[in-house]
N, C-alpha and C. Protein backbone atom coordinates (compact mmCIF):
# COMPACT_ATOMS: atom_id res chain seq x y z
N MET A 1 122.60 75.28 99.23
CA MET A 1 121.52 76.21 99.47
C MET A 1 121.83 77.00 100.74
N LYS A 2 121.59 78.29 100.69
CA LYS A 2 121.82 79.16 101.84
C LYS A 2 120.48 79.76 102.25
N THR A 3 120.19 79.69 103.55
CA THR A 3 118.95 80.26 104.08
C THR A 3 119.30 81.29 105.13
N VAL A 4 118.65 82.45 105.00
CA VAL A 4 118.91 83.58 105.89
C VAL A 4 117.59 84.09 106.44
N MET A 5 117.61 84.47 107.70
CA MET A 5 116.46 85.12 108.32
C MET A 5 116.88 86.53 108.72
N VAL A 6 116.05 87.50 108.41
CA VAL A 6 116.30 88.89 108.79
C VAL A 6 115.12 89.36 109.63
N ARG A 7 115.44 89.96 110.77
CA ARG A 7 114.39 90.47 111.65
C ARG A 7 114.70 91.92 111.98
N TYR A 8 113.63 92.73 112.03
CA TYR A 8 113.78 94.14 112.38
C TYR A 8 112.44 94.68 112.87
N LYS A 9 112.49 95.86 113.44
CA LYS A 9 111.28 96.50 113.98
C LYS A 9 111.22 97.92 113.43
N VAL A 10 110.09 98.26 112.81
CA VAL A 10 109.93 99.60 112.24
C VAL A 10 109.21 100.50 113.23
N LYS A 11 109.32 101.79 112.99
CA LYS A 11 108.57 102.77 113.78
C LYS A 11 107.09 102.57 113.45
N ALA A 12 106.23 102.69 114.45
CA ALA A 12 104.81 102.40 114.30
C ALA A 12 104.18 103.15 113.12
N GLU A 13 104.54 104.40 112.96
CA GLU A 13 103.96 105.21 111.89
C GLU A 13 104.49 104.85 110.50
N ARG A 14 105.49 103.96 110.43
CA ARG A 14 106.08 103.57 109.14
C ARG A 14 105.76 102.12 108.76
N ALA A 15 104.98 101.42 109.58
CA ALA A 15 104.68 100.01 109.32
C ALA A 15 103.95 99.82 107.99
N GLY A 16 102.96 100.64 107.71
CA GLY A 16 102.22 100.54 106.45
C GLY A 16 103.11 100.79 105.25
N GLU A 17 103.98 101.76 105.35
CA GLU A 17 104.93 102.07 104.29
C GLU A 17 105.84 100.87 104.05
N ASN A 18 106.32 100.26 105.13
CA ASN A 18 107.20 99.11 105.01
C ASN A 18 106.49 97.95 104.30
N GLU A 19 105.25 97.70 104.68
CA GLU A 19 104.47 96.64 104.03
C GLU A 19 104.29 96.92 102.54
N SER A 20 104.09 98.18 102.20
CA SER A 20 103.93 98.55 100.80
C SER A 20 105.19 98.22 100.00
N TYR A 21 106.35 98.53 100.55
CA TYR A 21 107.61 98.19 99.89
C TYR A 21 107.74 96.67 99.72
N ILE A 22 107.37 95.93 100.75
CA ILE A 22 107.44 94.47 100.69
C ILE A 22 106.56 93.93 99.57
N HIS A 23 105.33 94.43 99.49
CA HIS A 23 104.41 93.99 98.44
C HIS A 23 104.99 94.26 97.05
N LYS A 24 105.66 95.39 96.89
CA LYS A 24 106.26 95.72 95.59
C LYS A 24 107.38 94.75 95.24
N VAL A 25 108.15 94.31 96.23
CA VAL A 25 109.20 93.31 96.00
C VAL A 25 108.55 92.01 95.49
N PHE A 26 107.49 91.58 96.15
CA PHE A 26 106.84 90.33 95.75
C PHE A 26 106.15 90.45 94.40
N GLU A 27 105.63 91.63 94.09
CA GLU A 27 105.05 91.85 92.75
C GLU A 27 106.12 91.67 91.68
N GLN A 28 107.31 92.24 91.92
CA GLN A 28 108.39 92.08 90.94
C GLN A 28 108.85 90.64 90.86
N LEU A 29 108.95 89.95 91.99
CA LEU A 29 109.34 88.54 91.98
C LEU A 29 108.37 87.72 91.14
N LYS A 30 107.09 87.98 91.30
CA LYS A 30 106.08 87.24 90.53
C LYS A 30 106.18 87.57 89.04
N ARG A 31 106.41 88.83 88.72
CA ARG A 31 106.56 89.24 87.31
C ARG A 31 107.79 88.61 86.68
N ASP A 32 108.91 88.69 87.39
CA ASP A 32 110.19 88.25 86.84
C ASP A 32 110.41 86.74 86.95
N GLN A 33 109.63 86.08 87.82
CA GLN A 33 109.81 84.64 88.05
C GLN A 33 111.27 84.32 88.35
N THR A 34 111.81 84.99 89.36
CA THR A 34 113.21 84.87 89.74
C THR A 34 113.56 83.43 90.10
N PRO A 35 114.47 82.81 89.35
CA PRO A 35 114.83 81.41 89.63
C PRO A 35 115.79 81.28 90.82
N GLY A 36 115.76 80.12 91.46
CA GLY A 36 116.72 79.81 92.51
C GLY A 36 116.49 80.54 93.82
N LEU A 37 115.30 81.09 94.01
CA LEU A 37 115.02 81.87 95.21
C LEU A 37 113.69 81.45 95.80
N ARG A 38 113.69 81.26 97.11
CA ARG A 38 112.46 81.06 97.87
C ARG A 38 112.47 82.14 98.94
N TYR A 39 111.36 82.85 99.06
CA TYR A 39 111.37 84.04 99.90
C TYR A 39 110.01 84.22 100.55
N ALA A 40 110.00 84.56 101.81
CA ALA A 40 108.76 84.83 102.54
C ALA A 40 108.99 85.99 103.50
N SER A 41 107.92 86.73 103.74
CA SER A 41 107.98 87.86 104.65
C SER A 41 106.81 87.75 105.61
N PHE A 42 107.06 88.06 106.87
CA PHE A 42 106.04 87.95 107.91
C PHE A 42 106.02 89.20 108.77
N LYS A 43 104.82 89.60 109.18
CA LYS A 43 104.67 90.68 110.16
C LYS A 43 104.27 90.01 111.47
N LEU A 44 104.96 90.33 112.54
CA LEU A 44 104.68 89.73 113.82
C LEU A 44 103.45 90.37 114.47
N ALA A 45 102.96 89.75 115.52
CA ALA A 45 101.71 90.17 116.17
C ALA A 45 101.75 91.60 116.69
N ASP A 46 102.93 92.14 116.97
CA ASP A 46 103.00 93.52 117.47
C ASP A 46 102.73 94.55 116.38
N GLY A 47 102.69 94.11 115.12
CA GLY A 47 102.37 95.00 114.00
C GLY A 47 103.52 95.84 113.50
N VAL A 48 104.67 95.77 114.15
CA VAL A 48 105.81 96.60 113.74
C VAL A 48 107.09 95.79 113.56
N SER A 49 107.07 94.53 113.92
CA SER A 49 108.25 93.68 113.75
C SER A 49 108.04 92.81 112.51
N PHE A 50 109.09 92.66 111.74
CA PHE A 50 109.03 91.90 110.49
C PHE A 50 110.14 90.86 110.48
N VAL A 51 109.83 89.73 109.86
CA VAL A 51 110.81 88.66 109.65
C VAL A 51 110.76 88.28 108.18
N HIS A 52 111.91 88.19 107.56
CA HIS A 52 112.03 87.74 106.18
C HIS A 52 112.90 86.49 106.19
N ILE A 53 112.49 85.49 105.42
CA ILE A 53 113.30 84.28 105.28
C ILE A 53 113.54 84.08 103.79
N ALA A 54 114.80 83.98 103.43
CA ALA A 54 115.19 83.79 102.04
C ALA A 54 116.08 82.57 101.94
N SER A 55 115.79 81.75 100.95
CA SER A 55 116.60 80.58 100.68
C SER A 55 117.04 80.67 99.22
N ARG A 56 118.35 80.62 99.00
CA ARG A 56 118.88 80.76 97.64
C ARG A 56 119.66 79.52 97.28
N GLU A 57 119.52 79.15 96.02
CA GLU A 57 120.15 77.92 95.55
C GLU A 57 121.40 78.16 94.72
N ALA A 58 121.82 79.39 94.56
CA ALA A 58 122.97 79.72 93.72
C ALA A 58 124.25 79.11 94.26
N ALA A 59 124.98 78.43 93.40
CA ALA A 59 126.24 77.80 93.78
C ALA A 59 127.31 78.84 94.11
N ASP A 60 127.22 80.01 93.48
CA ASP A 60 128.22 81.06 93.69
C ASP A 60 127.87 81.99 94.85
N ASP A 61 126.85 81.64 95.63
CA ASP A 61 126.42 82.42 96.79
C ASP A 61 125.89 83.80 96.40
N SER A 62 125.50 83.99 95.15
CA SER A 62 124.92 85.27 94.74
C SER A 62 123.51 85.39 95.32
N ASN A 63 123.06 86.62 95.45
CA ASN A 63 121.74 86.88 96.01
C ASN A 63 120.88 87.58 94.97
N PRO A 64 119.93 86.87 94.35
CA PRO A 64 119.10 87.49 93.32
C PRO A 64 118.22 88.61 93.85
N LEU A 65 117.93 88.62 95.14
CA LEU A 65 117.13 89.72 95.70
C LEU A 65 117.82 91.06 95.51
N GLY A 66 119.12 91.07 95.71
CA GLY A 66 119.88 92.31 95.60
C GLY A 66 119.87 92.93 94.22
N GLU A 67 119.50 92.13 93.22
CA GLU A 67 119.44 92.63 91.84
C GLU A 67 118.10 93.26 91.49
N LEU A 68 117.07 93.01 92.30
CA LEU A 68 115.73 93.51 91.99
C LEU A 68 115.60 95.00 92.29
N ALA A 69 115.06 95.74 91.34
CA ALA A 69 114.86 97.18 91.53
C ALA A 69 113.98 97.46 92.75
N ALA A 70 112.91 96.69 92.91
CA ALA A 70 111.99 96.90 94.03
C ALA A 70 112.67 96.62 95.37
N PHE A 71 113.56 95.64 95.40
CA PHE A 71 114.28 95.32 96.65
C PHE A 71 115.28 96.43 96.97
N LYS A 72 115.90 96.98 95.94
CA LYS A 72 116.83 98.10 96.16
C LYS A 72 116.09 99.29 96.76
N VAL A 73 114.88 99.57 96.27
CA VAL A 73 114.08 100.67 96.81
C VAL A 73 113.68 100.36 98.25
N PHE A 74 113.26 99.11 98.49
CA PHE A 74 112.85 98.68 99.83
C PHE A 74 113.98 98.86 100.85
N THR A 75 115.19 98.49 100.49
CA THR A 75 116.31 98.54 101.43
C THR A 75 117.03 99.89 101.49
N ALA A 76 116.79 100.75 100.51
CA ALA A 76 117.55 102.00 100.40
C ALA A 76 117.50 102.84 101.68
N GLN A 77 116.34 102.95 102.28
CA GLN A 77 116.21 103.80 103.47
C GLN A 77 115.59 103.03 104.63
N ILE A 78 115.88 101.74 104.69
CA ILE A 78 115.31 100.91 105.75
C ILE A 78 115.70 101.43 107.13
N GLY A 79 116.90 101.93 107.27
CA GLY A 79 117.35 102.45 108.56
C GLY A 79 116.48 103.58 109.09
N GLU A 80 115.99 104.42 108.20
CA GLU A 80 115.13 105.53 108.61
C GLU A 80 113.77 105.06 109.09
N ARG A 81 113.31 103.90 108.58
CA ARG A 81 112.01 103.36 108.98
C ARG A 81 112.10 102.56 110.28
N CYS A 82 113.30 102.16 110.65
CA CYS A 82 113.45 101.20 111.75
C CYS A 82 113.61 101.82 113.12
N GLU A 83 113.00 101.15 114.07
CA GLU A 83 113.24 101.40 115.48
C GLU A 83 114.37 100.48 115.95
N GLU A 84 114.38 99.26 115.41
CA GLU A 84 115.46 98.30 115.63
C GLU A 84 115.96 97.87 114.26
N PRO A 85 117.24 98.04 113.96
CA PRO A 85 117.76 97.76 112.62
C PRO A 85 117.72 96.28 112.27
N PRO A 86 117.76 95.97 110.98
CA PRO A 86 117.75 94.58 110.53
C PRO A 86 118.96 93.81 111.05
N VAL A 87 118.68 92.59 111.48
CA VAL A 87 119.72 91.67 111.91
C VAL A 87 119.54 90.40 111.09
N ALA A 88 120.59 90.01 110.37
CA ALA A 88 120.54 88.81 109.54
C ALA A 88 121.22 87.66 110.26
N VAL A 89 120.60 86.49 110.15
CA VAL A 89 121.12 85.29 110.78
C VAL A 89 121.07 84.16 109.76
N ASP A 90 122.18 83.47 109.58
CA ASP A 90 122.19 82.29 108.72
C ASP A 90 121.47 81.16 109.43
N LEU A 91 120.61 80.45 108.70
CA LEU A 91 119.87 79.32 109.25
C LEU A 91 120.43 78.04 108.68
N ASN A 92 120.65 77.07 109.53
CA ASN A 92 121.11 75.75 109.11
C ASN A 92 120.01 74.76 109.40
N GLU A 93 119.39 74.25 108.35
CA GLU A 93 118.25 73.36 108.50
C GLU A 93 118.64 72.04 109.18
N VAL A 94 117.86 71.68 110.15
CA VAL A 94 117.99 70.39 110.80
C VAL A 94 117.00 69.42 110.16
N ALA A 95 115.76 69.88 110.01
CA ALA A 95 114.71 69.10 109.36
C ALA A 95 113.58 70.04 108.98
N SER A 96 112.78 69.65 108.01
CA SER A 96 111.62 70.46 107.65
C SER A 96 110.55 69.54 107.05
N TYR A 97 109.34 70.06 107.02
CA TYR A 97 108.24 69.32 106.44
C TYR A 97 107.44 70.28 105.58
N HIS A 98 107.48 70.11 104.28
CA HIS A 98 106.76 70.95 103.32
C HIS A 98 107.05 72.44 103.50
N PHE A 99 108.25 72.76 103.92
CA PHE A 99 108.63 74.16 104.09
C PHE A 99 109.02 74.73 102.74
N PHE A 100 108.53 75.90 102.41
CA PHE A 100 108.77 76.51 101.11
C PHE A 100 108.32 75.63 99.97
N GLY A 101 107.23 74.92 100.14
CA GLY A 101 106.63 74.16 99.03
C GLY A 101 107.38 72.92 98.63
N GLU A 102 108.12 72.32 99.53
CA GLU A 102 108.88 71.10 99.20
C GLU A 102 107.93 69.99 98.80
């Protein structure tokens, strides 16, 4: 299993637009019932910083998010919405308690 965290900061006037794209990704995930993926998105207290955490179970290291039409739209122009660009970090679990519905 691979877990990744992505953090970025959008321009204040684009925060609502960014949230709208995120909601569309989750709507498609719910419709498609994408297997092997656990995904969460958070908006930080400043209202413009976002954190996404994705955990994928694919043995071949494929990323099902990248295949979703809504995710492609969300990421297509992310750079234009950002004040600070996305930074991805691999997470290595030490321990967890009921994280992602365990």
